[in-house]
Protein backbone atom coordinates (compact mmCIF):
# COMPACT_ATOMS: atom_id res chain seq x y z
CA MET A 1 -17.35 2.81 32.99
CA SER A 2 -18.78 -0.42 31.63
CA GLU A 3 -22.27 -1.08 30.99
CA PRO A 4 -24.64 -3.27 32.92
CA GLY A 5 -22.98 -6.83 32.91
CA GLY A 6 -19.57 -5.52 32.27
CA ALA A 7 -19.70 -4.88 28.65
CA VAL A 8 -17.46 -1.94 27.33
CA PRO A 9 -19.29 0.37 25.27
CA ALA A 10 -18.87 0.96 22.03
CA SER A 11 -17.70 4.42 22.35
CA ALA A 12 -14.82 3.53 24.88
CA ALA A 13 -11.36 4.13 23.67
CA PRO A 14 -10.08 1.00 22.46
CA PRO A 15 -7.19 -0.48 24.19
CA ALA A 16 -3.31 0.92 23.07
CA LEU A 17 -2.50 -3.29 22.00
CA PRO A 18 -4.71 -5.56 20.90
CA PRO A 19 -5.63 -8.14 24.13
CA ASP A 20 -3.66 -11.10 22.66
CA VAL A 21 -0.32 -8.77 22.49
CA PRO A 22 1.90 -10.18 25.54
CA ALA A 23 2.77 -8.28 28.58
CA THR A 24 6.64 -8.45 27.48
CA PRO A 25 7.52 -7.36 24.09
CA ALA A 26 8.62 -10.64 21.93
CA ARG A 27 12.40 -10.29 21.27
CA ALA A 28 13.15 -8.08 18.17
CA ALA A 29 15.78 -10.27 16.24
CA PRO A 30 13.29 -13.21 15.47
CA LEU A 31 10.71 -10.48 14.48
CA VAL A 32 12.97 -8.51 12.33
CA GLY A 33 14.02 -12.06 10.85
CA ALA A 34 10.70 -12.80 9.94
CA PHE A 35 9.71 -9.23 8.85
CA LEU A 36 12.73 -10.30 6.06
CA ALA A 37 11.36 -13.62 5.19
CA ASP A 38 7.95 -11.68 4.23
CA ILE A 39 9.77 -9.06 2.19
CA GLY A 40 11.87 -12.06 0.73
CA LEU A 41 8.80 -14.11 0.06
CA ALA A 42 7.10 -10.79 -1.43
CA VAL A 43 9.58 -10.16 -3.90
CA PHE A 44 9.90 -13.76 -5.52
CA LEU A 45 6.11 -13.41 -5.54
CA MET A 46 6.62 -10.29 -7.60
CA LEU A 47 9.31 -10.95 -10.01
CA ALA A 48 8.02 -14.57 -10.70
CA ILE A 49 4.36 -12.73 -11.34
CA SER A 50 6.51 -10.04 -13.42
CA LEU A 51 8.11 -12.72 -15.54
CA ALA A 52 4.61 -14.78 -16.23
CA GLY A 53 2.82 -11.34 -17.00
CA GLY A 54 5.91 -10.21 -19.72
CA ILE A 55 5.42 -13.34 -21.27
CA ALA A 56 1.88 -13.78 -21.39
CA TRP A 57 1.99 -10.40 -22.78
CA GLY A 58 4.51 -11.09 -25.40
CA LEU A 59 2.25 -14.39 -26.51
CA TRP A 60 -0.81 -12.48 -26.97
CA GLN A 61 0.49 -9.50 -28.73
CA LEU A 62 2.47 -12.06 -30.92
CA ILE A 63 -0.75 -14.12 -31.54
CA THR A 64 -2.67 -11.18 -32.38
CA LEU A 65 0.15 -9.32 -34.78
CA GLN A 66 0.69 -12.94 -36.58
CA GLN A 67 -3.33 -12.88 -37.13
CA SER A 68 -3.47 -9.71 -38.96
CA GLY A 69 -0.73 -10.85 -41.23
CA ALA A 70 2.30 -8.54 -40.11
CA ASP A 71 5.82 -9.19 -41.45
CA PRO A 72 8.88 -10.02 -38.74
CA GLY A 73 9.79 -6.80 -38.55
CA GLN A 74 6.64 -5.45 -36.97
CA LEU A 75 6.37 -8.88 -35.16
CA ALA A 76 9.17 -7.76 -33.35
CA ARG A 77 8.34 -4.18 -33.03
CA GLY A 78 4.81 -5.04 -31.87
CA ILE A 79 5.77 -7.48 -28.98
CA GLY A 80 7.58 -4.68 -26.72
CA GLN A 81 6.78 -3.32 -23.35
CA PRO A 82 2.77 -4.03 -22.03
CA GLY A 83 0.93 -0.41 -22.48
CA VAL A 84 -0.50 1.27 -19.49
CA LEU A 85 -3.73 -0.42 -19.31
CA ALA A 86 -1.87 -4.00 -19.27
CA GLN A 87 0.43 -2.62 -16.30
CA ILE A 88 -1.72 -1.46 -14.20
CA VAL A 89 -4.15 -4.88 -14.16
CA LEU A 90 -0.88 -6.48 -13.73
CA VAL A 91 0.13 -4.59 -10.69
CA ILE A 92 -3.07 -4.77 -9.81
CA PHE A 93 -3.09 -8.64 -10.05
CA SER A 94 0.62 -8.91 -8.49
CA THR A 95 -0.13 -6.73 -5.09
CA GLY A 96 -3.03 -8.69 -4.42
CA THR A 97 -1.26 -12.20 -5.36
CA ILE A 98 1.00 -10.92 -2.87
CA ALA A 99 -1.16 -9.60 0.12
CA LEU A 100 -3.53 -12.24 -0.06
CA SER A 101 -0.70 -14.69 -0.20
CA LEU A 102 1.40 -13.33 2.92
CA TYR A 103 -1.84 -13.16 4.51
CA PHE A 104 -3.07 -16.61 3.93
CA LEU A 105 0.43 -17.91 4.57
CA ARG A 106 2.13 -16.09 7.15
CA GLN A 107 -0.33 -13.75 9.03
CA PRO A 108 -4.00 -15.22 9.14
CA ALA A 109 -6.86 -13.25 11.52
CA SER A 110 -8.00 -15.12 14.21
CA THR A 111 -12.04 -15.75 14.86
CA ALA A 112 -11.60 -13.13 17.94
CA GLU A 113 -9.10 -10.55 15.98
CA ARG A 114 -12.08 -10.21 12.82
CA ALA A 115 -15.23 -9.66 16.08
CA ARG A 116 -12.54 -6.95 17.03
CA SER A 117 -12.28 -5.23 13.86
CA LEU A 118 -15.88 -5.26 13.96
CA ALA A 119 -16.32 -3.88 16.97
CA ALA A 120 -13.73 -1.20 16.33
CA LEU A 121 -15.77 0.01 13.22
CA ARG A 122 -19.11 0.58 15.57
CA ARG A 123 -16.85 3.01 17.85
CA PRO A 124 -17.26 7.21 16.38
CA SER A 125 -13.78 7.92 17.58
CA THR A 126 -12.27 5.42 14.93
CA TRP A 127 -14.38 6.86 11.98
CA GLY A 128 -12.77 10.18 13.81
CA TRP A 129 -9.39 8.94 13.49
CA THR A 130 -9.82 7.43 10.03
CA LEU A 131 -10.46 10.86 8.75
CA ALA A 132 -7.53 12.62 10.64
CA GLY A 133 -5.46 10.28 9.07
CA GLY A 134 -6.70 10.67 5.66
CA VAL A 135 -6.63 14.41 5.35
CA LEU A 136 -3.44 14.56 7.64
CA VAL A 137 -1.36 12.76 5.48
CA PHE A 138 -2.57 14.43 1.95
CA LEU A 139 -1.35 17.83 4.01
CA GLY A 140 1.71 16.44 4.94
CA SER A 141 2.64 15.15 1.49
CA SER A 142 1.48 18.37 0.07
CA LEU A 143 3.62 20.48 2.34
CA PHE A 144 6.57 18.63 1.89
CA SER A 145 6.22 19.00 -1.87
CA TRP A 146 6.12 22.28 -0.95
CA LEU A 147 9.10 22.76 0.92
CA GLY A 148 10.99 20.60 -1.62
CA ARG A 149 9.85 23.40 -4.65
CA GLN A 150 11.51 25.91 -2.75
CA ALA A 151 14.67 24.16 -2.13
CA GLY A 152 14.90 23.31 -6.06
CA ILE A 153 13.89 19.44 -5.59
CA GLU A 154 11.13 18.82 -7.79
CA PRO A 155 10.75 14.38 -8.00
CA VAL A 156 8.76 12.72 -10.22
CA PRO A 157 7.14 9.80 -9.32
CA THR A 158 8.15 6.67 -11.52
CA ASN A 159 4.57 5.98 -11.98
CA GLU A 160 3.46 9.39 -13.07
CA ALA A 161 3.49 8.82 -16.54
CA MET A 162 1.33 5.71 -16.84
CA VAL A 163 -1.27 7.69 -14.37
CA GLU A 164 -1.21 10.53 -16.12
CA GLU A 165 -2.21 8.43 -19.64
CA ALA A 166 -4.79 6.21 -17.56
CA ALA A 167 -6.12 9.36 -16.72
CA ALA A 168 -6.80 10.78 -19.96
CA ARG A 169 -7.81 7.15 -21.46
CA TRP A 170 -9.47 5.25 -18.54
CA PRO A 171 -10.65 7.80 -15.70
CA VAL A 172 -13.15 5.44 -14.04
CA PHE A 173 -10.49 2.44 -14.27
CA LEU A 174 -7.88 4.51 -12.60
CA ALA A 175 -10.22 5.50 -9.75
CA LEU A 176 -11.03 1.91 -8.89
CA PHE A 177 -7.52 1.06 -8.99
CA VAL A 178 -6.40 4.36 -7.06
CA VAL A 179 -9.26 4.76 -4.48
CA VAL A 180 -10.60 0.81 -3.76
CA LEU A 181 -8.08 -1.77 -4.74
CA ALA A 182 -4.42 -0.29 -4.20
CA PRO A 183 -5.74 0.63 -0.93
CA ALA A 184 -6.83 -2.22 0.10
CA TYR A 185 -4.32 -4.57 -0.90
CA GLU A 186 -1.49 -2.63 0.05
CA GLU A 187 -3.25 -2.21 3.89
CA LEU A 188 -3.46 -5.99 3.97
CA LEU A 189 0.42 -6.32 2.77
CA PHE A 190 2.31 -3.56 4.66
CA ARG A 191 0.03 -2.61 7.87
CA ARG A 192 -1.62 -6.04 8.62
CA VAL A 193 0.80 -8.14 7.74
CA LEU A 194 4.51 -6.54 8.42
CA PHE A 195 3.35 -4.24 10.61
CA GLY A 196 0.78 -6.21 12.27
CA ARG A 197 3.28 -9.08 13.31
CA PHE A 198 5.01 -6.53 15.31
CA LEU A 199 2.29 -4.98 16.82
CA ARG A 200 0.82 -8.45 18.24
CA ALA A 201 4.48 -9.38 19.63
CA GLY A 202 4.59 -6.11 21.55
CA ARG A 203 7.16 -4.23 19.06
CA PRO A 204 4.86 -1.41 17.41
CA TRP A 205 6.93 1.28 17.34
CA LEU A 206 9.67 -1.13 15.67
CA GLY A 207 7.21 -2.56 13.04
CA LEU A 208 5.62 1.00 12.35
CA VAL A 209 9.56 1.92 10.90
CA LEU A 210 10.51 -0.76 9.20
CA SER A 211 7.17 -1.35 7.70
CA SER A 212 7.26 2.14 6.31
CA LEU A 213 10.47 2.13 4.84
CA ALA A 214 9.53 -1.25 3.08
CA PHE A 215 6.52 0.56 1.65
CA ALA A 216 8.26 3.89 0.74
CA LEU A 217 10.99 1.78 -1.00
CA ALA A 218 8.50 -0.65 -2.82
CA HIS A 219 6.82 2.57 -4.07
CA GLU A 220 9.94 3.82 -5.16
CA VAL A 221 12.56 1.49 -6.01
CA PRO A 222 16.26 2.26 -5.99
CA PHE A 223 17.73 2.87 -8.70
CA LEU A 224 14.80 2.50 -11.24
CA SER A 225 13.62 5.83 -11.19
CA ASP A 226 14.75 7.91 -13.81
CA GLY A 227 15.59 11.52 -13.46
CA ASN A 228 15.34 11.83 -10.17
CA THR A 229 18.43 12.91 -8.68
CA LEU A 230 19.11 11.26 -4.92
CA PRO A 231 17.66 14.46 -3.38
CA ALA A 232 14.30 13.94 -5.19
CA MET A 233 14.87 10.28 -4.50
CA LEU A 234 14.95 11.16 -0.46
CA LEU A 235 11.69 12.65 -0.57
CA LEU A 236 10.10 10.69 -2.42
CA TRP A 237 11.15 8.35 0.45
CA LEU A 238 9.96 10.61 3.30
CA VAL A 239 6.78 11.15 1.99
CA TYR A 240 6.06 7.86 1.29
CA GLY A 241 7.49 6.65 4.41
CA GLY A 242 5.63 9.16 6.48
CA LEU A 243 2.30 8.14 4.83
CA GLY A 244 3.26 4.61 5.69
CA ALA A 245 3.52 5.59 9.26
CA VAL A 246 0.35 7.45 9.87
CA PHE A 247 -1.61 4.25 8.46
CA ALA A 248 0.20 2.26 10.65
CA TRP A 249 -0.75 4.38 13.14
CA VAL A 250 -4.53 4.78 12.37
CA TYR A 251 -4.40 0.65 12.26
CA TRP A 252 -3.38 0.85 15.69
CA ARG A 253 -4.97 3.41 17.00
CA THR A 254 -8.55 2.11 16.39
CA GLY A 255 -7.71 -1.40 16.21
CA THR A 256 -9.13 -2.59 12.70
CA LEU A 257 -7.52 -2.60 9.59
CA TRP A 258 -10.49 -1.00 8.06
CA ALA A 259 -9.47 2.54 9.26
CA ALA A 260 -6.26 2.08 7.67
CA VAL A 261 -7.97 1.04 4.45
CA ILE A 262 -10.08 3.89 4.51
CA ALA A 263 -7.65 6.41 5.42
CA HIS A 264 -5.19 5.46 2.49
CA ALA A 265 -8.47 5.57 -0.21
CA LEU A 266 -9.21 9.00 1.36
CA ASN A 267 -6.14 10.24 0.80
CA ASN A 268 -5.62 8.64 -2.83
CA GLY A 269 -9.11 10.05 -3.68
CA ILE A 270 -8.11 13.81 -2.64
CA ALA A 271 -5.00 13.65 -4.51
CA LEU A 272 -6.95 12.08 -8.02
CA ALA A 273 -9.90 14.69 -7.54
CA LEU A 274 -7.27 17.90 -7.33
CA HIS A 275 -5.33 15.87 -9.82
CA GLY A 276 -8.10 15.95 -12.37
CA LEU A 277 -9.19 19.61 -11.37
CA ALA A 278 -5.00 20.80 -12.16
């Protein structure tokens, strides 16, 4: 029921798709091509930023060691791989740069979209779906991990060692990264840009599958995981892909990216808190 004047009450259920979605879904092939172009640009930026970051780290270490009077052998050993803190900072910078670049270059939001997003935040149902999504992904990933252990599969995420050291030495910084920065940048990239392209073109299910696959592969890059068997890698991809699918569904259902960001942050916060208690 509409309010006087034809306005829709804030508590009304959102439409299945945003108002600017075409009645007839767009052809899948061009959408997949644009999706692959987005992925290619993201990979290029990641490689460029990683290379630049590695060079900057090496130069910084070289200057620091030279000032301390280190001999050539110490210089060679000291440059090495960036420390954990430097790696986290590089991840924040690279992910943020990629997400913002693809957003502004490929899929910037219109004024109407931003207005709809803010309106969605005023609906009580939005917060209910957000809470449900955040708790659901945590419980689901915990269940899959438990089932894997029952089958003798115990995967080790590639960032496990980095998280362990960061939790011991920089817990506040780690919490800021895990609960605030990572959810914001990852949702902007994977949900708003990659999934959003399909959503606005009337192909949400195709976008949900492809963006969730990209989300899983970005967290566990094939052939770069040390010590994980194929079943362990498949379990990790299943868990990360499931997370990506639920966050995409929350964004789709509520009509605001903020819901997916908060659900993501909630999942990460619960996992980090329980990790600290373990």
